[in-house]
C-alpha cells in the first residue's frame, strides 16, 4: 500500500517541466573590418612584389641587350697584384658592372714581385696543413 507522502512527492515532481535554456550570448566581433584590411594590404603587397620583379626583369633585359664596349675598359697593369683600389677604379671607369667583373675575372696573369717580397697566396699555397 503506497504511502501518502510518496504520492504527494511524485505529484510534486511531475509538475516540473524541462526549461529550454537561453542561447549563449554572442559577442559582436569587429573581425570583418580587420580581415578586410588584412586582405587589402596582402593584395597590395603582392602587387608591389609582382610589379617590382617585372620592373627588375625589364631593366635587366635592357641592360643585357646593350653591347658593352670592352675596349673602353681600362686595363690594369700586371706589374702588381690586384688591390682594392684597382678594383674600385675599374668599377668606376667600366661601362657596365658585367664588363668590369669579366675584366677582373680574366686578368692577365704574370704579376711580378721583387726578389725580397713574396705573394701571400703563393706562400699559403705551399703550406701543407694536416687536419
C-alpha atoms as a PDB file:
ATOM      1  CA  UNK A   1       0.000   0.000   0.000  1.00  0.00           C
ATOM      2  CA  UNK A   2       1.520   3.291  -1.133  1.00  0.00           C
ATOM      3  CA  UNK A   3       2.057   5.910   1.409  1.00  0.00           C
ATOM      4  CA  UNK A   4       0.582   9.341   1.175  1.00  0.00           C
ATOM      5  CA  UNK A   5       3.974  11.040   1.297  1.00  0.00           C
ATOM      6  CA  UNK A   6       5.216   9.087  -1.725  1.00  0.00           C
ATOM      7  CA  UNK A   7       2.149  10.007  -3.806  1.00  0.00           C
ATOM      8  CA  UNK A   8       2.447  13.675  -2.927  1.00  0.00           C
ATOM      9  CA  UNK A   9       6.153  13.682  -3.694  1.00  0.00           C
ATOM     10  CA  UNK A  10       5.509  12.011  -7.054  1.00  0.00           C
ATOM     11  CA  UNK A  11       2.823  14.582  -7.920  1.00  0.00           C
ATOM     12  CA  UNK A  12       5.155  17.346  -6.857  1.00  0.00           C
ATOM     13  CA  UNK A  13       7.930  16.068  -9.164  1.00  0.00           C
ATOM     14  CA  UNK A  14       5.542  15.733 -12.140  1.00  0.00           C
ATOM     15  CA  UNK A  15       4.640  19.399 -12.049  1.00  0.00           C
ATOM     16  CA  UNK A  16       8.182  20.353 -13.090  1.00  0.00           C
ATOM     17  CA  UNK A  17       8.650  20.776 -16.841  1.00  0.00           C
ATOM     18  CA  UNK A  18      12.071  20.979 -18.542  1.00  0.00           C
ATOM     19  CA  UNK A  19      13.015  24.504 -19.419  1.00  0.00           C
ATOM     20  CA  UNK A  20      14.714  25.332 -22.697  1.00  0.00           C
ATOM     21  CA  UNK A  21      17.987  27.073 -21.870  1.00  0.00           C
ATOM     22  CA  UNK A  22      18.686  30.520 -23.233  1.00  0.00           C
ATOM     23  CA  UNK A  23      21.173  30.795 -26.048  1.00  0.00           C
ATOM     24  CA  UNK A  24      24.745  31.731 -25.273  1.00  0.00           C
ATOM     25  CA  UNK A  25      25.452  35.426 -25.563  1.00  0.00           C
ATOM     26  CA  UNK A  26      27.280  36.232 -28.785  1.00  0.00           C
ATOM     27  CA  UNK A  27      29.922  38.907 -28.689  1.00  0.00           C
ATOM     28  CA  UNK A  28      29.885  41.161 -31.680  1.00  0.00           C
ATOM     29  CA  UNK A  29      33.206  40.826 -33.416  1.00  0.00           C
ATOM     30  CA  UNK A  30      34.862  43.510 -35.411  1.00  0.00           C
ATOM     31  CA  UNK A  31      36.915  40.932 -37.343  1.00  0.00           C
ATOM     32  CA  UNK A  32      35.108  41.879 -40.514  1.00  0.00           C
ATOM     33  CA  UNK A  33      36.877  45.207 -40.835  1.00  0.00           C
ATOM     34  CA  UNK A  34      40.203  43.829 -39.629  1.00  0.00           C
ATOM     35  CA  UNK A  35      40.007  40.921 -42.020  1.00  0.00           C
ATOM     36  CA  UNK A  36      39.067  43.308 -44.832  1.00  0.00           C
ATOM     37  CA  UNK A  37      42.144  45.491 -44.190  1.00  0.00           C
ATOM     38  CA  UNK A  38      44.414  42.445 -43.978  1.00  0.00           C
ATOM     39  CA  UNK A  39      43.163  41.209 -47.335  1.00  0.00           C
ATOM     40  CA  UNK A  40      43.626  44.623 -48.927  1.00  0.00           C
ATOM     41  CA  UNK A  41      47.153  45.010 -47.533  1.00  0.00           C
ATOM     42  CA  UNK A  42      48.139  41.491 -48.655  1.00  0.00           C
ATOM     43  CA  UNK A  43      46.815  42.193 -52.133  1.00  0.00           C
ATOM     44  CA  UNK A  44      48.754  45.481 -52.213  1.00  0.00           C
ATOM     45  CA  UNK A  45      51.967  43.839 -51.037  1.00  0.00           C
ATOM     46  CA  UNK A  46      51.574  41.094 -53.639  1.00  0.00           C
ATOM     47  CA  UNK A  47      51.020  43.685 -56.356  1.00  0.00           C
ATOM     48  CA  UNK A  48      54.123  45.610 -55.267  1.00  0.00           C
ATOM     49  CA  UNK A  49      56.251  42.451 -55.314  1.00  0.00           C
ATOM     50  CA  UNK A  50      54.970  41.473 -58.768  1.00  0.00           C
ATOM     51  CA  UNK A  51      55.495  44.965 -60.191  1.00  0.00           C
ATOM     52  CA  UNK A  52      58.958  45.172 -58.650  1.00  0.00           C
ATOM     53  CA  UNK A  53      60.048  41.837 -60.076  1.00  0.00           C
ATOM     54  CA  UNK A  54      58.656  42.694 -63.529  1.00  0.00           C
ATOM     55  CA  UNK A  55      60.425  46.063 -63.447  1.00  0.00           C
ATOM     56  CA  UNK A  56      63.675  44.421 -62.378  1.00  0.00           C
ATOM     57  CA  UNK A  57      63.453  41.867 -65.193  1.00  0.00           C
ATOM     58  CA  UNK A  58      62.731  44.585 -67.773  1.00  0.00           C
ATOM     59  CA  UNK A  59      65.687  46.678 -66.609  1.00  0.00           C
ATOM     60  CA  UNK A  60      67.934  43.628 -66.508  1.00  0.00           C
ATOM     61  CA  UNK A  61      66.841  42.652 -70.018  1.00  0.00           C
ATOM     62  CA  UNK A  62      67.535  46.154 -71.372  1.00  0.00           C
ATOM     63  CA  UNK A  63      70.978  46.260 -69.772  1.00  0.00           C
ATOM     64  CA  UNK A  64      71.818  42.826 -71.172  1.00  0.00           C
ATOM     65  CA  UNK A  65      70.872  43.935 -74.684  1.00  0.00           C
ATOM     66  CA  UNK A  66      73.234  46.921 -74.674  1.00  0.00           C
ATOM     67  CA  UNK A  67      76.528  45.791 -76.120  1.00  0.00           C
ATOM     68  CA  UNK A  68      79.364  46.698 -73.804  1.00  0.00           C
ATOM     69  CA  UNK A  69      82.474  48.216 -75.278  1.00  0.00           C
ATOM     70  CA  UNK A  70      85.296  46.132 -73.815  1.00  0.00           C
ATOM     71  CA  UNK A  71      87.882  48.371 -75.461  1.00  0.00           C
ATOM     72  CA  UNK A  72      86.896  51.268 -73.212  1.00  0.00           C
ATOM     73  CA  UNK A  73      87.630  49.223 -70.073  1.00  0.00           C
ATOM     74  CA  UNK A  74      90.875  50.384 -68.580  1.00  0.00           C
ATOM     75  CA  UNK A  75      93.445  47.600 -68.357  1.00  0.00           C
ATOM     76  CA  UNK A  76      95.237  47.246 -65.057  1.00  0.00           C
ATOM     77  CA  UNK A  77      98.912  46.750 -65.482  1.00  0.00           C
ATOM     78  CA  UNK A  78     100.019  43.245 -64.480  1.00  0.00           C
ATOM     79  CA  UNK A  79     103.050  44.558 -62.603  1.00  0.00           C
ATOM     80  CA  UNK A  80     101.355  44.325 -59.231  1.00  0.00           C
ATOM     81  CA  UNK A  81      98.669  42.099 -57.732  1.00  0.00           C
ATOM     82  CA  UNK A  82      95.056  43.216 -57.710  1.00  0.00           C
ATOM     83  CA  UNK A  83      94.308  45.662 -54.936  1.00  0.00           C
ATOM     84  CA  UNK A  84      91.008  47.008 -53.723  1.00  0.00           C
ATOM     85  CA  UNK A  85      91.858  50.450 -55.082  1.00  0.00           C
ATOM     86  CA  UNK A  86      92.469  48.941 -58.535  1.00  0.00           C
ATOM     87  CA  UNK A  87      89.168  47.077 -58.408  1.00  0.00           C
ATOM     88  CA  UNK A  88      87.338  50.243 -57.340  1.00  0.00           C
ATOM     89  CA  UNK A  89      88.967  52.203 -60.172  1.00  0.00           C
ATOM     90  CA  UNK A  90      87.952  49.557 -62.673  1.00  0.00           C
ATOM     91  CA  UNK A  91      84.383  49.539 -61.375  1.00  0.00           C
ATOM     92  CA  UNK A  92      84.216  53.329 -61.585  1.00  0.00           C
ATOM     93  CA  UNK A  93      85.515  53.504 -65.161  1.00  0.00           C
ATOM     94  CA  UNK A  94      83.853  50.407 -66.640  1.00  0.00           C
ATOM     95  CA  UNK A  95      80.798  50.942 -68.863  1.00  0.00           C
ATOM     96  CA  UNK A  96      78.881  48.233 -67.002  1.00  0.00           C
ATOM     97  CA  UNK A  97      79.208  46.101 -63.917  1.00  0.00           C
ATOM     98  CA  UNK A  98      79.306  42.931 -66.010  1.00  0.00           C
ATOM     99  CA  UNK A  99      82.235  44.091 -68.139  1.00  0.00           C
ATOM    100  CA  UNK A 100      84.140  45.139 -65.008  1.00  0.00           C
ATOM    101  CA  UNK A 101      83.590  41.722 -63.428  1.00  0.00           C
ATOM    102  CA  UNK A 102      84.725  39.980 -66.612  1.00  0.00           C
ATOM    103  CA  UNK A 103      87.839  42.108 -66.681  1.00  0.00           C
ATOM    104  CA  UNK A 104      88.575  41.267 -63.057  1.00  0.00           C
ATOM    105  CA  UNK A 105      87.940  37.573 -63.617  1.00  0.00           C
ATOM    106  CA  UNK A 106      90.079  37.286 -66.727  1.00  0.00           C
ATOM    107  CA  UNK A 107      93.019  39.456 -65.709  1.00  0.00           C
ATOM    108  CA  UNK A 108      96.268  38.530 -67.354  1.00  0.00           C
ATOM    109  CA  UNK A 109      98.420  36.506 -65.002  1.00  0.00           C
ATOM    110  CA  UNK A 110     102.092  37.069 -64.572  1.00  0.00           C
ATOM    111  CA  UNK A 111     102.258  39.773 -61.982  1.00  0.00           C
ATOM    112  CA  UNK A 112     105.823  40.074 -60.816  1.00  0.00           C
ATOM    113  CA  UNK A 113     107.176  40.536 -57.320  1.00  0.00           C
ATOM    114  CA  UNK A 114     110.525  41.926 -56.313  1.00  0.00           C
ATOM    115  CA  UNK A 115     113.075  39.335 -55.144  1.00  0.00           C
ATOM    116  CA  UNK A 116     112.710  40.216 -51.482  1.00  0.00           C
ATOM    117  CA  UNK A 117     108.863  40.057 -51.481  1.00  0.00           C
ATOM    118  CA  UNK A 118     106.511  37.109 -51.902  1.00  0.00           C
ATOM    119  CA  UNK A 119     102.847  36.701 -52.611  1.00  0.00           C
ATOM    120  CA  UNK A 120     100.787  35.747 -49.573  1.00  0.00           C
ATOM    121  CA  UNK A 121      98.646  33.441 -51.711  1.00  0.00           C
ATOM    122  CA  UNK A 122     101.726  31.700 -53.064  1.00  0.00           C
ATOM    123  CA  UNK A 123     103.066  31.194 -49.542  1.00  0.00           C
ATOM    124  CA  UNK A 124      99.725  29.806 -48.365  1.00  0.00           C
ATOM    125  CA  UNK A 125      99.542  27.501 -51.367  1.00  0.00           C
ATOM    126  CA  UNK A 126     102.909  25.957 -50.470  1.00  0.00           C
ATOM    127  CA  UNK A 127     101.943  25.359 -46.848  1.00  0.00           C
ATOM    128  CA  UNK A 128     100.577  21.887 -46.149  1.00  0.00           C
ATOM    129  CA  UNK A 129      98.177  21.679 -43.248  1.00  0.00           C
ATOM    130  CA  UNK A 130      97.166  18.303 -41.838  1.00  0.00           C
ATOM    131  CA  UNK A 131      93.806  18.222 -40.155  1.00  0.00           C
END
